[in-house]
Structures are given as structure tokens and as C-alpha cells.
Amino acid sequence: MSVTRKSKELAGYLRAIKEKLHRVDKWNPRTCAVVNVQEAHVLLSIGPRGHMTMSEIADRLQLSLSSMTAVIDKLENKKFILRSRQAKDRRVIEVTLTNAGRKFYDLVEGAHLKFMTQFLNILSTNEQDILLKLFRKVTANLK
């Protein structure tokens, strides 16, 4: 099989996983009544880092800064995030999770981890180790 066909096949698998994670967010009764999918993705972006700038979040989620501002406004109104200006450059706006935002992040992340556990459970322990080793190798070049 050619590299191009393999690339297309892999892209299809990754797209299927991404779509399933979107459905996990969209249909989770504990989260969908509180935040929409875009808001959940913002929380998932900020959560592991503790804080991010508006530009970093917009870039990560491939949204315009104006769209990002609207999402951040909603999350701020829900008391999930705090917005502040950086001391060294007042033009830069930094976003941090509040305690409520951290709890909600943990809830959304928990649903993702549950899905990933189900995903991995169809593989043997050895296959899981191989898959993770390959993903580490491939993603090492993404940073």
C-alpha cells in the first residue's frame, strides 16, 4: 500500500476518533446543559496548562480572536474562567480556570478518559503498549 493511501486511511481513523470525542462532549447530560462543545474545548485546552493567552487558545482551536472573545465571554459569565492582562504586556489577555472551571474541566476530561479506556480495552496490554509507543514517536514531532 502506498504512503498516500496509508495517510488517507490514518486520517480517516483520526477523524473518527475526533468525531467520537465531539459526540462524547455533545451528548454528555452532565455537561451539555451547562456548556456547548466550543466552550468545552476551551476548558479542555486551558485545563492541563493552568492558563493560556487568548491568542494561544484561538490558535489551538483554529478560531478567530473575535470568535474566541465571544466564547470566553460566555465562560466568564458562567464563572468558569478569569481573564486578566499580562503585567509585562498589557495588550496580552491571559485566561485562567476558576475553581468551578477546574471542576468542570475534570468532569469533561473524565468523560474523555472513559471513552479512551473503552477504546484501549479492545486491545491486549501488549497492543496498547505498542500503540502508545507509536503515538509518542509520531507526536514527538508535533511540538
Protein backbone atom coordinates (compact mmCIF):
# COMPACT_ATOMS: atom_id res chain seq x y z
CA MET A 1 0.00 0.00 0.00
CA SER A 2 1.37 3.45 -0.92
CA VAL A 3 2.19 6.12 1.65
CA THR A 4 -0.63 8.29 0.24
CA ARG A 5 -3.21 5.52 0.78
CA LYS A 6 -1.85 4.87 4.26
CA SER A 7 -2.02 8.59 5.03
CA LYS A 8 -5.65 8.73 3.89
CA GLU A 9 -6.51 5.67 5.95
CA LEU A 10 -4.83 7.08 9.06
CA ALA A 11 -6.55 10.46 8.55
CA GLY A 12 -9.87 8.64 8.45
CA TYR A 13 -9.17 6.81 11.72
CA LEU A 14 -8.06 10.01 13.47
CA ARG A 15 -11.14 11.83 12.18
CA ALA A 16 -13.38 9.04 13.52
CA ILE A 17 -11.78 9.31 16.98
CA LYS A 18 -12.13 13.11 16.95
CA GLU A 19 -15.79 12.86 15.90
CA LYS A 20 -16.48 10.36 18.69
CA LEU A 21 -14.90 12.71 21.25
CA HIS A 22 -17.12 15.53 19.92
CA ARG A 23 -20.16 13.30 20.45
CA VAL A 24 -18.95 12.46 23.97
CA ASP A 25 -18.95 16.22 24.69
CA LYS A 26 -22.20 16.96 22.91
CA TRP A 27 -24.27 14.15 24.40
CA ASN A 28 -22.91 14.10 27.95
CA PRO A 29 -26.01 15.01 30.01
CA ARG A 30 -23.85 16.32 32.87
CA THR A 31 -22.06 18.83 30.64
CA CYS A 32 -24.19 19.71 27.61
CA ALA A 33 -26.77 21.56 29.71
CA VAL A 34 -24.02 23.83 31.06
CA VAL A 35 -21.58 24.42 28.18
CA ASN A 36 -21.62 23.99 24.43
CA VAL A 37 -18.97 21.97 22.58
CA GLN A 38 -16.82 25.04 21.79
CA GLU A 39 -16.82 26.08 25.44
CA ALA A 40 -15.89 22.53 26.49
CA HIS A 41 -12.95 22.58 24.07
CA VAL A 42 -11.73 25.87 25.51
CA LEU A 43 -11.83 24.36 29.01
CA LEU A 44 -10.00 21.26 27.73
CA SER A 45 -7.33 23.46 26.16
CA ILE A 46 -6.72 25.55 29.27
CA GLY A 47 -7.09 22.78 31.86
CA PRO A 48 -3.77 20.94 31.51
CA ARG A 49 -1.78 24.18 31.23
CA GLY A 50 -3.38 26.19 34.01
CA HIS A 51 -3.51 29.36 31.92
CA MET A 52 -3.24 30.43 28.29
CA THR A 53 -3.45 33.64 26.33
CA MET A 54 -6.50 34.36 24.20
CA SER A 55 -4.30 34.13 21.10
CA GLU A 56 -2.93 30.72 22.12
CA ILE A 57 -6.44 29.33 22.66
CA ALA A 58 -7.72 30.80 19.38
CA ASP A 59 -4.75 29.33 17.52
CA ARG A 60 -5.14 25.92 19.16
CA LEU A 61 -8.86 25.74 18.34
CA GLN A 62 -8.45 27.42 14.95
CA LEU A 63 -10.89 30.21 15.76
CA SER A 64 -10.67 33.91 15.06
CA LEU A 65 -9.86 36.14 18.02
CA SER A 66 -13.33 37.71 17.80
CA SER A 67 -14.99 34.27 17.96
CA MET A 68 -12.72 33.33 20.85
CA THR A 69 -13.72 36.51 22.69
CA ALA A 70 -17.40 35.54 22.45
CA VAL A 71 -16.70 32.04 23.85
CA ILE A 72 -14.52 33.44 26.65
CA ASP A 73 -17.26 35.98 27.50
CA LYS A 74 -19.74 33.11 27.97
CA LEU A 75 -17.33 31.12 30.13
CA GLU A 76 -16.54 34.20 32.21
CA ASN A 77 -20.27 34.80 32.78
CA LYS A 78 -20.56 31.18 33.92
CA LYS A 79 -17.70 31.83 36.38
CA PHE A 80 -15.51 29.13 34.77
CA ILE A 81 -12.62 31.39 33.79
CA LEU A 82 -10.87 34.58 34.82
CA ARG A 83 -9.47 37.00 32.27
CA SER A 84 -6.52 39.24 33.11
CA ARG A 85 -3.90 41.30 31.33
CA GLN A 86 -0.26 40.29 31.49
CA ALA A 87 1.88 42.66 33.53
CA LYS A 88 4.75 42.70 31.03
CA ASP A 89 2.49 43.38 28.01
CA ARG A 90 -0.94 44.82 28.82
CA ARG A 91 -2.18 44.02 25.30
CA VAL A 92 -1.99 40.28 26.03
CA ILE A 93 -5.02 38.78 27.76
CA GLU A 94 -4.46 35.66 29.82
CA VAL A 95 -7.23 33.20 30.68
CA THR A 96 -7.18 31.02 33.81
CA LEU A 97 -9.65 28.45 35.12
CA THR A 98 -11.53 29.29 38.33
CA ASN A 99 -12.21 26.55 40.90
CA ALA A 100 -15.60 25.97 39.24
CA GLY A 101 -13.89 25.86 35.85
CA ARG A 102 -11.35 23.34 37.15
CA LYS A 103 -14.14 21.11 38.49
CA PHE A 104 -15.99 21.29 35.19
CA TYR A 105 -12.75 20.59 33.28
CA ASP A 106 -12.29 17.47 35.43
CA LEU A 107 -15.83 16.36 34.55
CA VAL A 108 -15.32 16.79 30.78
CA GLU A 109 -11.84 15.25 30.90
CA GLY A 110 -13.27 12.31 32.86
CA ALA A 111 -15.77 11.61 30.07
CA HIS A 112 -12.91 11.67 27.54
CA LEU A 113 -10.83 9.31 29.66
CA LYS A 114 -13.76 6.92 29.99
CA PHE A 115 -14.09 6.83 26.19
CA MET A 116 -10.34 6.32 25.72
CA THR A 117 -10.36 3.47 28.27
CA GLN A 118 -13.13 1.75 26.29
CA PHE A 119 -11.13 2.42 23.11
CA LEU A 120 -7.99 0.80 24.55
CA ASN A 121 -9.79 -2.13 26.17
CA ILE A 122 -10.36 -3.81 22.79
CA LEU A 123 -6.58 -4.21 22.57
CA SER A 124 -4.35 -6.54 24.55
CA THR A 125 -1.94 -4.97 27.03
CA ASN A 126 0.91 -5.53 24.58
CA GLU A 127 -1.04 -3.91 21.72
CA GLN A 128 -1.86 -0.92 23.96
CA ASP A 129 1.84 -0.50 24.75
CA ILE A 130 2.74 -0.67 21.06
CA LEU A 131 0.02 1.83 20.09
CA LEU A 132 1.13 4.28 22.78
CA LYS A 133 4.79 3.89 21.80
CA LEU A 134 3.92 4.65 18.17
CA PHE A 135 1.79 7.67 19.10
CA ARG A 136 4.62 9.02 21.29
CA LYS A 137 7.01 8.68 18.35
CA VAL A 138 4.66 10.32 15.86
CA THR A 139 3.55 13.17 18.14
CA ALA A 140 7.09 13.97 19.30
CA ASN A 141 7.50 15.91 16.04
CA LEU A 142 4.29 17.93 16.51
CA LYS A 143 5.60 20.22 19.22
